[in-house]
Amino acid sequence: MNMTNVTIRYGLTNSVTRGFEQGVTVGDILADRSIRMALSAPEAVVAVSNGDTLSPDTLVENYDSITFEPQASSKA
């Protein structure tokens, strides 16, 4: 089984690199509490790569670096 190493960042100094199997989605890593805890990231984050916000169903294996950013609060 092929593993893809992805570095996930939050803030200026926090990063963690993990190996993910094929088929893992951005939604899976956003829901992974151990990753958020390692980064000291809150639950309300979005995944961004190269300036683009990634959809939760995007495959992680297509990226080598993903940044968690605070989710903008919506004003109803």
Protein backbone atom coordinates (compact mmCIF):
# COMPACT_ATOMS: atom_id res chain seq x y z
CA MET A 1 0.00 0.00 0.00
CA ASN A 2 1.44 3.35 -1.00
CA MET A 3 1.76 5.97 1.69
CA THR A 4 1.92 9.69 1.02
CA ASN A 5 3.78 11.89 3.49
CA VAL A 6 1.97 15.17 4.01
CA THR A 7 3.17 18.06 6.16
CA ILE A 8 0.30 19.82 7.91
CA ARG A 9 0.89 23.29 9.33
CA TYR A 10 -0.99 25.60 11.63
CA GLY A 11 0.26 29.04 12.57
CA LEU A 12 3.84 30.16 12.07
CA THR A 13 5.66 27.43 13.94
CA ASN A 14 3.44 24.35 14.32
CA SER A 15 3.76 21.52 11.81
CA VAL A 16 3.45 17.74 11.77
CA THR A 17 4.25 15.25 9.00
CA ARG A 18 2.17 12.11 8.74
CA GLY A 19 1.94 9.23 6.32
CA PHE A 20 -1.50 8.70 4.79
CA GLU A 21 -2.81 5.77 2.79
CA GLN A 22 -4.43 6.30 -0.57
CA GLY A 23 -8.08 7.30 -0.33
CA VAL A 24 -7.72 9.47 2.78
CA THR A 25 -9.58 12.76 2.33
CA VAL A 26 -9.09 16.27 3.63
CA GLY A 27 -12.25 15.73 5.68
CA ASP A 28 -10.58 12.75 7.37
CA ILE A 29 -7.57 14.81 8.48
CA LEU A 30 -9.76 17.74 9.57
CA ALA A 31 -11.70 15.30 11.79
CA ASP A 32 -8.52 13.76 13.26
CA ARG A 33 -8.25 15.16 16.78
CA SER A 34 -4.69 13.88 17.23
CA ILE A 35 -3.48 16.02 14.31
CA ARG A 36 -5.31 19.11 15.57
CA MET A 37 -3.97 18.53 19.09
CA ALA A 38 -0.40 18.13 17.79
CA LEU A 39 -0.77 21.48 16.03
CA SER A 40 -2.69 23.20 18.85
CA ALA A 41 -5.35 23.95 16.23
CA PRO A 42 -9.04 24.56 17.04
CA GLU A 43 -11.86 22.48 15.57
CA ALA A 44 -13.00 25.31 13.30
CA VAL A 45 -10.26 25.17 10.67
CA VAL A 46 -10.19 24.79 6.91
CA ALA A 47 -7.46 23.09 4.88
CA VAL A 48 -5.59 25.25 2.38
CA SER A 49 -2.91 24.43 -0.17
CA ASN A 50 -1.31 26.89 -2.60
CA GLY A 51 -3.86 29.51 -1.58
CA ASP A 52 -6.86 27.31 -2.42
CA THR A 53 -9.32 26.09 0.21
CA LEU A 54 -9.60 22.33 -0.14
CA SER A 55 -12.94 20.55 -0.23
CA PRO A 56 -13.45 17.89 2.49
CA ASP A 57 -13.69 15.21 -0.22
CA THR A 58 -10.33 16.15 -1.79
CA LEU A 59 -7.80 13.31 -1.67
CA VAL A 60 -4.83 14.04 0.59
CA GLU A 61 -2.46 12.01 -1.61
CA ASN A 62 -2.48 14.84 -4.19
CA TYR A 63 -0.67 17.20 -1.80
CA ASP A 64 2.59 17.25 0.12
CA SER A 65 1.80 20.31 2.23
CA ILE A 66 -1.51 21.44 3.69
CA THR A 67 -2.07 24.40 6.00
CA PHE A 68 -4.89 24.58 8.53
CA GLU A 69 -6.31 28.09 8.78
CA PRO A 70 -9.00 29.43 11.09
CA GLN A 71 -12.44 29.09 9.55
CA ALA A 72 -13.95 32.48 8.80
CA SER A 73 -17.04 33.06 10.89
CA SER A 74 -20.07 33.52 8.70
CA LYS A 75 -22.28 36.51 9.31
CA ALA A 76 -25.90 35.62 8.81
